[in-house]
Amino acid sequence: MSKLNEKDRDKLSESNFAFEKQRKEPLENASHVRNAVARFNQVEGVSDDERDAAWKRIKTAAKKYKVELHENSWREIGKKHAPAGKG
């Protein structure tokens, strides 16, 4: 994953983070989007409404950076998915 140094991270607006108020999980490129999904359930101290909003931002960034998401909702993260055609 590409790293953001502290100076560059501080320059980002809140809207460039999955969790805006907490400034957690930047969404600056495809690598960051994949990392935000992988770490999503590790974010503490946020409400379900904040998670819903963060997931919406992640989906938007995933589309922008052409990252395929296998989950339709953040509630599906970490659950096993049936192979295509296996219902």
N, C-alpha and C. Protein backbone atom coordinates (compact mmCIF):
# COMPACT_ATOMS: atom_id res chain seq x y z
N MET A 1 0.84 -1.18 0.00
CA MET A 1 0.00 0.00 0.00
C MET A 1 0.88 1.24 0.00
N SER A 2 0.48 2.23 -0.75
CA SER A 2 1.24 3.48 -0.73
C SER A 2 0.97 4.19 0.59
N LYS A 3 2.00 4.78 1.11
CA LYS A 3 1.91 5.44 2.41
C LYS A 3 1.72 6.94 2.21
N LEU A 4 0.95 7.52 3.11
CA LEU A 4 0.84 8.96 3.18
C LEU A 4 1.68 9.41 4.36
N ASN A 5 2.57 10.35 4.13
CA ASN A 5 3.29 10.86 5.29
C ASN A 5 2.35 11.78 6.06
N GLU A 6 2.71 12.10 7.27
CA GLU A 6 1.84 12.87 8.15
C GLU A 6 1.46 14.22 7.55
N LYS A 7 2.42 14.87 6.91
CA LYS A 7 2.17 16.19 6.31
C LYS A 7 1.11 16.09 5.21
N ASP A 8 1.27 15.08 4.32
CA ASP A 8 0.30 14.90 3.23
C ASP A 8 -1.07 14.49 3.77
N ARG A 9 -1.08 13.64 4.78
CA ARG A 9 -2.35 13.21 5.39
C ARG A 9 -3.08 14.39 6.00
N ASP A 10 -2.32 15.27 6.66
CA ASP A 10 -2.93 16.45 7.29
C ASP A 10 -3.53 17.41 6.27
N LYS A 11 -3.02 17.37 5.04
CA LYS A 11 -3.52 18.26 3.98
C LYS A 11 -4.86 17.78 3.41
N LEU A 12 -5.17 16.50 3.59
CA LEU A 12 -6.40 15.95 3.02
C LEU A 12 -7.63 16.53 3.71
N SER A 13 -8.65 16.78 2.93
CA SER A 13 -9.92 17.22 3.52
C SER A 13 -10.61 16.03 4.14
N GLU A 14 -11.53 16.28 5.06
CA GLU A 14 -12.26 15.20 5.72
C GLU A 14 -12.96 14.29 4.72
N SER A 15 -13.42 14.86 3.62
CA SER A 15 -14.15 14.07 2.63
C SER A 15 -13.28 13.03 1.94
N ASN A 16 -11.97 13.09 2.11
CA ASN A 16 -11.06 12.11 1.52
C ASN A 16 -10.83 10.91 2.43
N PHE A 17 -11.58 10.82 3.52
CA PHE A 17 -11.46 9.70 4.45
C PHE A 17 -12.79 8.95 4.50
N ALA A 18 -12.72 7.65 4.68
CA ALA A 18 -13.95 6.87 4.84
C ALA A 18 -14.70 7.36 6.08
N PHE A 19 -13.98 7.50 7.18
CA PHE A 19 -14.56 8.00 8.42
C PHE A 19 -14.10 9.44 8.58
N GLU A 20 -14.93 10.35 8.12
CA GLU A 20 -14.54 11.76 8.02
C GLU A 20 -14.16 12.39 9.36
N LYS A 21 -15.05 12.32 10.32
CA LYS A 21 -14.82 13.01 11.60
C LYS A 21 -13.57 12.50 12.30
N GLN A 22 -13.33 11.21 12.19
CA GLN A 22 -12.19 10.60 12.85
C GLN A 22 -10.92 10.66 12.00
N ARG A 23 -11.10 11.07 10.72
CA ARG A 23 -10.00 11.13 9.76
C ARG A 23 -9.29 9.78 9.68
N LYS A 24 -10.10 8.72 9.58
CA LYS A 24 -9.57 7.37 9.49
C LYS A 24 -9.86 6.79 8.12
N GLU A 25 -8.92 6.03 7.62
CA GLU A 25 -9.00 5.30 6.35
C GLU A 25 -9.10 6.25 5.15
N PRO A 26 -7.94 6.81 4.76
CA PRO A 26 -7.93 7.68 3.57
C PRO A 26 -8.32 6.89 2.32
N LEU A 27 -8.87 7.61 1.36
CA LEU A 27 -9.36 6.99 0.12
C LEU A 27 -8.71 7.68 -1.08
N GLU A 28 -7.39 7.74 -1.09
CA GLU A 28 -6.65 8.50 -2.10
C GLU A 28 -6.31 7.72 -3.35
N ASN A 29 -6.38 6.40 -3.30
CA ASN A 29 -6.04 5.59 -4.46
C ASN A 29 -6.59 4.18 -4.25
N ALA A 30 -6.41 3.31 -5.23
CA ALA A 30 -6.96 1.96 -5.17
C ALA A 30 -6.43 1.19 -3.96
N SER A 31 -5.16 1.34 -3.67
CA SER A 31 -4.56 0.64 -2.54
C SER A 31 -5.20 1.08 -1.22
N HIS A 32 -5.43 2.37 -1.07
CA HIS A 32 -6.07 2.87 0.14
C HIS A 32 -7.51 2.39 0.26
N VAL A 33 -8.20 2.29 -0.86
CA VAL A 33 -9.58 1.79 -0.84
C VAL A 33 -9.61 0.34 -0.36
N ARG A 34 -8.73 -0.48 -0.92
CA ARG A 34 -8.67 -1.88 -0.49
C ARG A 34 -8.32 -1.98 0.99
N ASN A 35 -7.42 -1.15 1.46
CA ASN A 35 -7.03 -1.15 2.86
C ASN A 35 -8.19 -0.69 3.75
N ALA A 36 -8.95 0.29 3.29
CA ALA A 36 -10.10 0.77 4.07
C ALA A 36 -11.12 -0.34 4.27
N VAL A 37 -11.33 -1.15 3.24
CA VAL A 37 -12.26 -2.28 3.36
C VAL A 37 -11.69 -3.31 4.34
N ALA A 38 -10.42 -3.62 4.19
CA ALA A 38 -9.79 -4.63 5.05
C ALA A 38 -9.79 -4.22 6.52
N ARG A 39 -9.68 -2.93 6.79
CA ARG A 39 -9.60 -2.45 8.17
C ARG A 39 -10.93 -1.92 8.71
N PHE A 40 -11.95 -1.96 7.89
CA PHE A 40 -13.23 -1.35 8.23
C PHE A 40 -13.74 -1.77 9.61
N ASN A 41 -13.74 -3.06 9.88
CA ASN A 41 -14.28 -3.56 11.15
C ASN A 41 -13.37 -3.30 12.35
N GLN A 42 -12.18 -2.79 12.10
CA GLN A 42 -11.26 -2.47 13.19
C GLN A 42 -11.46 -1.06 13.73
N VAL A 43 -12.22 -0.24 13.01
CA VAL A 43 -12.45 1.14 13.44
C VAL A 43 -13.40 1.12 14.63
N GLU A 44 -12.98 1.74 15.71
CA GLU A 44 -13.76 1.74 16.95
C GLU A 44 -14.35 3.13 17.20
N GLY A 45 -15.41 3.14 18.01
CA GLY A 45 -15.99 4.40 18.45
C GLY A 45 -16.82 5.11 17.40
N VAL A 46 -17.39 4.36 16.46
CA VAL A 46 -18.24 4.96 15.44
C VAL A 46 -19.60 4.26 15.45
N SER A 47 -20.62 5.02 15.10
CA SER A 47 -21.98 4.49 15.09
C SER A 47 -22.25 3.75 13.78
N ASP A 48 -23.35 3.02 13.74
CA ASP A 48 -23.75 2.36 12.50
C ASP A 48 -24.05 3.38 11.41
N ASP A 49 -24.59 4.54 11.78
CA ASP A 49 -24.84 5.59 10.79
C ASP A 49 -23.52 6.08 10.18
N GLU A 50 -22.49 6.22 11.01
CA GLU A 50 -21.18 6.63 10.50
C GLU A 50 -20.58 5.54 9.62
N ARG A 51 -20.81 4.28 9.98
CA ARG A 51 -20.33 3.18 9.14
C ARG A 51 -21.07 3.17 7.80
N ASP A 52 -22.37 3.43 7.82
CA ASP A 52 -23.14 3.50 6.57
C ASP A 52 -22.56 4.59 5.66
N ALA A 53 -22.29 5.76 6.23
CA ALA A 53 -21.75 6.87 5.45
C ALA A 53 -20.34 6.54 4.94
N ALA A 54 -19.52 5.92 5.78
CA ALA A 54 -18.17 5.53 5.37
C ALA A 54 -18.23 4.52 4.23
N TRP A 55 -19.14 3.56 4.33
CA TRP A 55 -19.26 2.55 3.26
C TRP A 55 -19.66 3.21 1.95
N LYS A 56 -20.52 4.18 2.01
CA LYS A 56 -20.94 4.89 0.80
C LYS A 56 -19.73 5.60 0.16
N ARG A 57 -18.88 6.22 0.99
CA ARG A 57 -17.68 6.87 0.46
C ARG A 57 -16.71 5.85 -0.12
N ILE A 58 -16.58 4.70 0.54
CA ILE A 58 -15.71 3.64 0.04
C ILE A 58 -16.21 3.15 -1.31
N LYS A 59 -17.51 2.93 -1.45
CA LYS A 59 -18.06 2.46 -2.73
C LYS A 59 -17.81 3.48 -3.84
N THR A 60 -17.95 4.74 -3.53
CA THR A 60 -17.70 5.80 -4.52
C THR A 60 -16.23 5.79 -4.94
N ALA A 61 -15.33 5.69 -3.96
CA ALA A 61 -13.90 5.66 -4.26
C ALA A 61 -13.53 4.39 -5.01
N ALA A 62 -14.15 3.26 -4.67
CA ALA A 62 -13.87 2.00 -5.35
C ALA A 62 -14.23 2.12 -6.83
N LYS A 63 -15.35 2.73 -7.11
CA LYS A 63 -15.75 2.92 -8.51
C LYS A 63 -14.75 3.82 -9.23
N LYS A 64 -14.35 4.90 -8.57
CA LYS A 64 -13.41 5.86 -9.16
C LYS A 64 -12.07 5.19 -9.50
N TYR A 65 -11.57 4.36 -8.58
CA TYR A 65 -10.26 3.74 -8.75
C TYR A 65 -10.34 2.31 -9.30
N LYS A 66 -11.54 1.91 -9.73
CA LYS A 66 -11.75 0.60 -10.35
C LYS A 66 -11.35 -0.56 -9.43
N VAL A 67 -11.80 -0.47 -8.18
CA VAL A 67 -11.58 -1.53 -7.21
C VAL A 67 -12.87 -2.34 -7.11
N GLU A 68 -12.78 -3.63 -7.32
CA GLU A 68 -13.96 -4.49 -7.25
C GLU A 68 -14.27 -4.80 -5.79
N LEU A 69 -15.49 -4.50 -5.39
CA LEU A 69 -15.96 -4.85 -4.05
C LEU A 69 -16.84 -6.09 -4.15
N HIS A 70 -16.63 -7.03 -3.26
CA HIS A 70 -17.43 -8.25 -3.26
C HIS A 70 -18.59 -8.13 -2.28
N GLU A 71 -18.58 -7.10 -1.47
CA GLU A 71 -19.63 -6.87 -0.48
C GLU A 71 -20.57 -5.78 -0.97
N ASN A 72 -21.86 -5.96 -0.69
CA ASN A 72 -22.84 -4.93 -1.01
C ASN A 72 -23.03 -3.98 0.17
N SER A 73 -22.64 -4.42 1.35
CA SER A 73 -22.81 -3.65 2.58
C SER A 73 -21.61 -3.91 3.48
N TRP A 74 -21.32 -2.98 4.35
CA TRP A 74 -20.22 -3.19 5.29
C TRP A 74 -20.52 -4.34 6.25
N ARG A 75 -21.79 -4.67 6.39
CA ARG A 75 -22.16 -5.78 7.27
C ARG A 75 -21.74 -7.13 6.70
N GLU A 76 -21.38 -7.18 5.42
CA GLU A 76 -20.95 -8.41 4.77
C GLU A 76 -19.43 -8.61 4.82
N ILE A 77 -18.70 -7.63 5.29
CA ILE A 77 -17.24 -7.73 5.32
C ILE A 77 -16.82 -8.89 6.22
N GLY A 78 -15.97 -9.73 5.68
CA GLY A 78 -15.44 -10.86 6.44
C GLY A 78 -16.28 -12.11 6.36
N LYS A 79 -17.43 -12.06 5.72
CA LYS A 79 -18.27 -13.24 5.56
C LYS A 79 -17.89 -13.95 4.28
N LYS A 80 -18.00 -15.25 4.30
CA LYS A 80 -17.66 -16.05 3.13
C LYS A 80 -18.71 -15.83 2.05
N HIS A 81 -18.24 -15.76 0.82
CA HIS A 81 -19.14 -15.60 -0.33
C HIS A 81 -19.13 -16.89 -1.14
N ALA A 82 -20.29 -17.28 -1.59
CA ALA A 82 -20.40 -18.47 -2.45
C ALA A 82 -19.79 -18.13 -3.81
N PRO A 83 -19.09 -19.08 -4.41
CA PRO A 83 -18.56 -18.85 -5.76
C PRO A 83 -19.70 -18.54 -6.72
N ALA A 84 -19.40 -17.81 -7.77
CA ALA A 84 -20.42 -17.45 -8.77
C ALA A 84 -21.11 -18.70 -9.27
N GLY A 85 -22.43 -18.64 -9.33
CA GLY A 85 -23.22 -19.76 -9.82
C GLY A 85 -23.52 -20.82 -8.78
N LYS A 86 -23.03 -20.62 -7.56
CA LYS A 86 -23.24 -21.61 -6.49
C LYS A 86 -24.16 -21.08 -5.41
N GLY A 87 -25.01 -20.12 -5.73
CA GLY A 87 -26.03 -19.55 -4.96
C GLY A 87 -26.00 -19.22 -3.63
